[in-house]
Amino acid sequence: MLNNHKVGCALGSFVALVHAVWAILVGLGFAQTLVDFIFYLHMVVNPHIIAPFNLMLAVGLIIVTGVVGYVVGWI
């Protein structure tokens, strides 16, 4: 039997880490290139423009996705 807390922690940590990497890519200026490349591989014209890095939004993104990941893992 899986432990709800452990699964929640694992999933929450994973999604928070993925979004922390995304925030780093935005901060370093590589995110637009990555998004453009992914859309190109899917033969889609990219309609999105990555906004400038904002530390408070990045921290909020990581916290919210970590909490949501924990809840989903716990369920």
N, C-alpha and C. Protein backbone atom coordinates (compact mmCIF):
# COMPACT_ATOMS: atom_id res chain seq x y z
N MET A 1 0.84 -1.18 0.00
CA MET A 1 0.00 0.00 0.00
C MET A 1 0.89 1.24 0.00
N LEU A 2 0.54 2.21 -0.80
CA LEU A 2 1.30 3.44 -0.88
C LEU A 2 0.94 4.38 0.28
N ASN A 3 1.93 5.10 0.76
CA ASN A 3 1.73 6.09 1.81
C ASN A 3 1.34 7.41 1.15
N ASN A 4 0.15 7.92 1.47
CA ASN A 4 -0.36 9.14 0.84
C ASN A 4 0.61 10.31 1.00
N HIS A 5 1.15 10.48 2.19
CA HIS A 5 2.06 11.60 2.45
C HIS A 5 3.33 11.49 1.61
N LYS A 6 3.90 10.29 1.53
CA LYS A 6 5.13 10.11 0.75
C LYS A 6 4.90 10.34 -0.74
N VAL A 7 3.78 9.83 -1.24
CA VAL A 7 3.46 10.04 -2.66
C VAL A 7 3.22 11.53 -2.92
N GLY A 8 2.50 12.18 -2.02
CA GLY A 8 2.26 13.61 -2.15
C GLY A 8 3.56 14.40 -2.14
N CYS A 9 4.45 14.06 -1.24
CA CYS A 9 5.75 14.75 -1.18
C CYS A 9 6.56 14.52 -2.45
N ALA A 10 6.55 13.29 -2.94
CA ALA A 10 7.31 12.97 -4.15
C ALA A 10 6.77 13.73 -5.36
N LEU A 11 5.46 13.68 -5.56
CA LEU A 11 4.87 14.36 -6.72
C LEU A 11 4.98 15.88 -6.57
N GLY A 12 4.71 16.39 -5.38
CA GLY A 12 4.83 17.82 -5.14
C GLY A 12 6.24 18.32 -5.39
N SER A 13 7.23 17.58 -4.92
CA SER A 13 8.63 17.95 -5.13
C SER A 13 8.99 17.92 -6.61
N PHE A 14 8.51 16.90 -7.31
CA PHE A 14 8.83 16.77 -8.73
C PHE A 14 8.27 17.94 -9.53
N VAL A 15 6.99 18.25 -9.36
CA VAL A 15 6.41 19.33 -10.15
C VAL A 15 6.98 20.69 -9.75
N ALA A 16 7.32 20.87 -8.46
CA ALA A 16 7.97 22.11 -8.04
C ALA A 16 9.34 22.23 -8.69
N LEU A 17 10.09 21.13 -8.76
CA LEU A 17 11.41 21.14 -9.39
C LEU A 17 11.32 21.47 -10.88
N VAL A 18 10.36 20.86 -11.57
CA VAL A 18 10.17 21.13 -12.99
C VAL A 18 9.88 22.62 -13.21
N HIS A 19 9.05 23.20 -12.36
CA HIS A 19 8.71 24.61 -12.52
C HIS A 19 9.86 25.52 -12.06
N ALA A 20 10.69 25.06 -11.14
CA ALA A 20 11.88 25.82 -10.76
C ALA A 20 12.85 25.88 -11.95
N VAL A 21 13.00 24.76 -12.66
CA VAL A 21 13.84 24.74 -13.86
C VAL A 21 13.27 25.69 -14.91
N TRP A 22 11.96 25.69 -15.06
CA TRP A 22 11.32 26.61 -16.02
C TRP A 22 11.62 28.06 -15.64
N ALA A 23 11.48 28.40 -14.35
CA ALA A 23 11.76 29.76 -13.90
C ALA A 23 13.21 30.14 -14.16
N ILE A 24 14.12 29.21 -13.97
CA ILE A 24 15.54 29.46 -14.26
C ILE A 24 15.73 29.72 -15.75
N LEU A 25 15.08 28.92 -16.59
CA LEU A 25 15.18 29.13 -18.04
C LEU A 25 14.65 30.51 -18.44
N VAL A 26 13.55 30.93 -17.82
CA VAL A 26 13.02 32.27 -18.10
C VAL A 26 14.03 33.32 -17.66
N GLY A 27 14.56 33.16 -16.46
CA GLY A 27 15.52 34.12 -15.93
C GLY A 27 16.79 34.23 -16.76
N LEU A 28 17.22 33.12 -17.32
CA LEU A 28 18.44 33.12 -18.13
C LEU A 28 18.18 33.53 -19.58
N GLY A 29 16.91 33.64 -19.95
CA GLY A 29 16.57 34.07 -21.31
C GLY A 29 16.50 32.94 -22.33
N PHE A 30 16.45 31.69 -21.88
CA PHE A 30 16.41 30.55 -22.79
C PHE A 30 15.00 30.02 -23.04
N ALA A 31 14.03 30.48 -22.27
CA ALA A 31 12.68 29.91 -22.34
C ALA A 31 12.02 30.13 -23.70
N GLN A 32 12.14 31.32 -24.26
CA GLN A 32 11.50 31.60 -25.55
C GLN A 32 12.05 30.69 -26.64
N THR A 33 13.36 30.50 -26.64
CA THR A 33 13.98 29.62 -27.63
C THR A 33 13.46 28.20 -27.48
N LEU A 34 13.35 27.73 -26.25
CA LEU A 34 12.85 26.37 -26.00
C LEU A 34 11.40 26.22 -26.46
N VAL A 35 10.56 27.19 -26.11
CA VAL A 35 9.15 27.14 -26.51
C VAL A 35 9.03 27.19 -28.03
N ASP A 36 9.78 28.08 -28.66
CA ASP A 36 9.77 28.17 -30.13
C ASP A 36 10.16 26.84 -30.76
N PHE A 37 11.19 26.19 -30.21
CA PHE A 37 11.66 24.91 -30.74
C PHE A 37 10.60 23.82 -30.58
N ILE A 38 9.97 23.77 -29.41
CA ILE A 38 8.95 22.74 -29.17
C ILE A 38 7.76 22.92 -30.12
N PHE A 39 7.33 24.17 -30.30
CA PHE A 39 6.24 24.42 -31.25
C PHE A 39 6.67 24.04 -32.67
N TYR A 40 7.91 24.38 -33.03
CA TYR A 40 8.43 24.06 -34.37
C TYR A 40 8.40 22.55 -34.62
N LEU A 41 8.82 21.77 -33.61
CA LEU A 41 8.80 20.30 -33.76
C LEU A 41 7.38 19.78 -33.98
N HIS A 42 6.40 20.48 -33.44
CA HIS A 42 5.01 20.07 -33.60
C HIS A 42 4.34 20.71 -34.81
N MET A 43 5.16 21.41 -35.61
CA MET A 43 4.68 22.07 -36.83
C MET A 43 3.58 23.07 -36.52
N VAL A 44 3.78 23.86 -35.46
CA VAL A 44 2.83 24.88 -35.03
C VAL A 44 3.57 26.21 -34.95
N VAL A 45 2.90 27.27 -35.38
CA VAL A 45 3.47 28.60 -35.24
C VAL A 45 3.21 29.07 -33.81
N ASN A 46 4.27 29.49 -33.13
CA ASN A 46 4.16 29.87 -31.73
C ASN A 46 3.51 31.24 -31.58
N PRO A 47 2.32 31.29 -30.96
CA PRO A 47 1.66 32.59 -30.74
C PRO A 47 2.03 33.21 -29.38
N HIS A 48 2.87 32.56 -28.59
CA HIS A 48 3.15 33.00 -27.23
C HIS A 48 4.50 33.70 -27.13
N ILE A 49 4.56 34.71 -26.27
CA ILE A 49 5.80 35.42 -25.99
C ILE A 49 6.06 35.31 -24.49
N ILE A 50 7.25 34.86 -24.14
CA ILE A 50 7.62 34.71 -22.74
C ILE A 50 7.85 36.10 -22.14
N ALA A 51 7.20 36.37 -21.02
CA ALA A 51 7.32 37.67 -20.34
C ALA A 51 8.66 37.76 -19.62
N PRO A 52 9.06 38.96 -19.27
CA PRO A 52 10.30 39.12 -18.50
C PRO A 52 10.22 38.40 -17.15
N PHE A 53 11.36 37.99 -16.64
CA PHE A 53 11.44 37.27 -15.37
C PHE A 53 10.96 38.15 -14.23
N ASN A 54 10.15 37.55 -13.33
CA ASN A 54 9.67 38.23 -12.13
C ASN A 54 9.87 37.27 -10.97
N LEU A 55 10.73 37.62 -10.03
CA LEU A 55 11.08 36.71 -8.94
C LEU A 55 9.87 36.31 -8.10
N MET A 56 9.00 37.25 -7.79
CA MET A 56 7.83 36.93 -6.96
C MET A 56 6.89 35.96 -7.68
N LEU A 57 6.70 36.16 -8.97
CA LEU A 57 5.86 35.23 -9.74
C LEU A 57 6.51 33.85 -9.80
N ALA A 58 7.83 33.81 -9.95
CA ALA A 58 8.53 32.53 -10.01
C ALA A 58 8.39 31.76 -8.70
N VAL A 59 8.56 32.46 -7.59
CA VAL A 59 8.40 31.81 -6.28
C VAL A 59 6.96 31.33 -6.10
N GLY A 60 5.99 32.17 -6.47
CA GLY A 60 4.59 31.77 -6.39
C GLY A 60 4.28 30.56 -7.24
N LEU A 61 4.83 30.53 -8.45
CA LEU A 61 4.64 29.39 -9.35
C LEU A 61 5.14 28.10 -8.72
N ILE A 62 6.34 28.16 -8.15
CA ILE A 62 6.95 26.97 -7.55
C ILE A 62 6.15 26.51 -6.33
N ILE A 63 5.71 27.44 -5.50
CA ILE A 63 4.94 27.07 -4.30
C ILE A 63 3.58 26.49 -4.69
N VAL A 64 2.86 27.15 -5.57
CA VAL A 64 1.52 26.68 -5.96
C VAL A 64 1.60 25.31 -6.62
N THR A 65 2.54 25.11 -7.54
CA THR A 65 2.62 23.81 -8.20
C THR A 65 3.06 22.72 -7.23
N GLY A 66 3.92 23.07 -6.28
CA GLY A 66 4.32 22.09 -5.26
C GLY A 66 3.15 21.66 -4.40
N VAL A 67 2.34 22.63 -3.98
CA VAL A 67 1.17 22.31 -3.14
C VAL A 67 0.14 21.50 -3.93
N VAL A 68 -0.14 21.93 -5.15
CA VAL A 68 -1.10 21.18 -5.99
C VAL A 68 -0.58 19.76 -6.25
N GLY A 69 0.71 19.64 -6.54
CA GLY A 69 1.30 18.32 -6.75
C GLY A 69 1.17 17.44 -5.52
N TYR A 70 1.38 18.03 -4.33
CA TYR A 70 1.24 17.27 -3.09
C TYR A 70 -0.20 16.78 -2.93
N VAL A 71 -1.15 17.68 -3.14
CA VAL A 71 -2.56 17.31 -2.97
C VAL A 71 -2.96 16.20 -3.95
N VAL A 72 -2.56 16.35 -5.20
CA VAL A 72 -2.88 15.33 -6.21
C VAL A 72 -2.22 14.01 -5.83
N GLY A 73 -0.97 14.04 -5.40
CA GLY A 73 -0.28 12.81 -4.98
C GLY A 73 -0.91 12.20 -3.76
N TRP A 74 -1.34 13.01 -2.82
CA TRP A 74 -1.97 12.50 -1.61
C TRP A 74 -3.29 11.81 -1.93
N ILE A 75 -4.05 12.42 -2.86
CA ILE A 75 -5.35 11.83 -3.26
C ILE A 75 -5.11 10.50 -3.96
